[in-house]
Amino acid sequence: MSGTNPWTRSRERMRRFPDLLAQCFTEAAVYGKCVVSTTTGKQELKKDLCVKEFEALKTCFVSAAKRGVK
């Protein structure tokens, strides 16, 4: 039953994350800039301020994961 353990699956997803992030660096940068621009000074990040950018990043991650990491 190798690979059926939830911890094993979780570790595998975490190992893939840097490669997925590298494939989605443009979307990650846009989302990061949005977060930074909305939290200047002492403002807190509020829900849905960067939802469009987050959804683009999420879509990229899902697409990259489906393609598989080479």
C-alpha atoms as a PDB file:
ATOM      1  CA  MET A   1       0.000   0.000   0.000  1.00  0.00           C
ATOM      2  CA  SER A   2       2.863   2.330  -0.744  1.00  0.00           C
ATOM      3  CA  GLY A   3       1.802   5.908  -1.401  1.00  0.00           C
ATOM      4  CA  THR A   4      -1.670   5.621   0.152  1.00  0.00           C
ATOM      5  CA  ASN A   5      -0.642   7.230   3.421  1.00  0.00           C
ATOM      6  CA  PRO A   6      -1.956  10.830   3.625  1.00  0.00           C
ATOM      7  CA  TRP A   7       1.424  12.045   4.893  1.00  0.00           C
ATOM      8  CA  THR A   8       3.177  10.507   1.891  1.00  0.00           C
ATOM      9  CA  ARG A   9       0.755  12.198  -0.515  1.00  0.00           C
ATOM     10  CA  SER A  10       1.137  15.492   1.310  1.00  0.00           C
ATOM     11  CA  ARG A  11       4.943  15.331   1.191  1.00  0.00           C
ATOM     12  CA  GLU A  12       4.814  14.536  -2.531  1.00  0.00           C
ATOM     13  CA  ARG A  13       2.634  17.592  -3.204  1.00  0.00           C
ATOM     14  CA  MET A  14       5.022  19.770  -1.187  1.00  0.00           C
ATOM     15  CA  ARG A  15       8.006  18.434  -3.151  1.00  0.00           C
ATOM     16  CA  ARG A  16       6.286  19.449  -6.395  1.00  0.00           C
ATOM     17  CA  PHE A  17       5.417  22.956  -5.198  1.00  0.00           C
ATOM     18  CA  PRO A  18       8.721  24.676  -6.154  1.00  0.00           C
ATOM     19  CA  ASP A  19       8.456  23.329  -9.706  1.00  0.00           C
ATOM     20  CA  LEU A  20       4.829  24.397  -9.986  1.00  0.00           C
ATOM     21  CA  LEU A  21       5.693  27.835  -8.646  1.00  0.00           C
ATOM     22  CA  ALA A  22       8.499  28.140 -11.204  1.00  0.00           C
ATOM     23  CA  GLN A  23       6.021  27.382 -13.982  1.00  0.00           C
ATOM     24  CA  CYS A  24       3.635  30.059 -12.654  1.00  0.00           C
ATOM     25  CA  PHE A  25       6.143  32.755 -11.744  1.00  0.00           C
ATOM     26  CA  THR A  26       4.372  35.471 -13.749  1.00  0.00           C
ATOM     27  CA  GLU A  27       1.031  34.880 -12.043  1.00  0.00           C
ATOM     28  CA  ALA A  28       2.755  34.596  -8.656  1.00  0.00           C
ATOM     29  CA  ALA A  29       4.523  37.918  -9.201  1.00  0.00           C
ATOM     30  CA  VAL A  30       1.276  39.664 -10.180  1.00  0.00           C
ATOM     31  CA  TYR A  31      -0.494  38.267  -7.109  1.00  0.00           C
ATOM     32  CA  GLY A  32       2.416  39.253  -4.868  1.00  0.00           C
ATOM     33  CA  LYS A  33       2.409  42.807  -6.217  1.00  0.00           C
ATOM     34  CA  CYS A  34      -1.320  43.056  -5.568  1.00  0.00           C
ATOM     35  CA  VAL A  35      -0.891  41.873  -1.980  1.00  0.00           C
ATOM     36  CA  VAL A  36       1.972  44.294  -1.377  1.00  0.00           C
ATOM     37  CA  SER A  37       0.112  47.233  -2.904  1.00  0.00           C
ATOM     38  CA  THR A  38      -3.009  46.586  -0.820  1.00  0.00           C
ATOM     39  CA  THR A  39      -1.109  46.205   2.444  1.00  0.00           C
ATOM     40  CA  THR A  40       1.078  49.299   2.395  1.00  0.00           C
ATOM     41  CA  GLY A  41       1.666  50.872   5.758  1.00  0.00           C
ATOM     42  CA  LYS A  42      -0.241  49.148   8.543  1.00  0.00           C
ATOM     43  CA  GLN A  43      -3.198  48.023   6.455  1.00  0.00           C
ATOM     44  CA  GLU A  44      -4.204  44.394   6.742  1.00  0.00           C
ATOM     45  CA  LEU A  45      -4.932  42.191   3.769  1.00  0.00           C
ATOM     46  CA  LYS A  46      -8.664  41.802   3.422  1.00  0.00           C
ATOM     47  CA  LYS A  47     -10.528  38.994   1.714  1.00  0.00           C
ATOM     48  CA  ASP A  48     -11.234  39.392  -2.004  1.00  0.00           C
ATOM     49  CA  LEU A  49      -8.960  42.403  -2.591  1.00  0.00           C
ATOM     50  CA  CYS A  50      -6.749  40.348  -4.916  1.00  0.00           C
ATOM     51  CA  VAL A  51      -9.246  37.661  -5.882  1.00  0.00           C
ATOM     52  CA  LYS A  52      -8.713  38.085  -9.644  1.00  0.00           C
ATOM     53  CA  GLU A  53      -4.955  37.665  -9.297  1.00  0.00           C
ATOM     54  CA  PHE A  54      -5.345  34.750  -6.889  1.00  0.00           C
ATOM     55  CA  GLU A  55      -7.715  32.932  -9.244  1.00  0.00           C
ATOM     56  CA  ALA A  56      -5.223  33.359 -12.108  1.00  0.00           C
ATOM     57  CA  LEU A  57      -2.462  31.881  -9.926  1.00  0.00           C
ATOM     58  CA  LYS A  58      -4.696  29.024  -8.791  1.00  0.00           C
ATOM     59  CA  THR A  59      -5.660  28.224 -12.396  1.00  0.00           C
ATOM     60  CA  CYS A  60      -1.997  28.178 -13.379  1.00  0.00           C
ATOM     61  CA  PHE A  61      -1.110  25.816 -10.505  1.00  0.00           C
ATOM     62  CA  VAL A  62      -3.942  23.439 -11.418  1.00  0.00           C
ATOM     63  CA  SER A  63      -2.934  23.454 -15.088  1.00  0.00           C
ATOM     64  CA  ALA A  64       0.732  22.896 -14.274  1.00  0.00           C
ATOM     65  CA  ALA A  65      -0.138  20.046 -11.908  1.00  0.00           C
ATOM     66  CA  LYS A  66      -2.279  18.375 -14.555  1.00  0.00           C
ATOM     67  CA  ARG A  67       0.523  18.638 -17.119  1.00  0.00           C
ATOM     68  CA  GLY A  68       2.916  17.128 -14.638  1.00  0.00           C
ATOM     69  CA  VAL A  69       6.247  18.481 -13.555  1.00  0.00           C
ATOM     70  CA  LYS A  70       9.039  17.681 -15.935  1.00  0.00           C
END
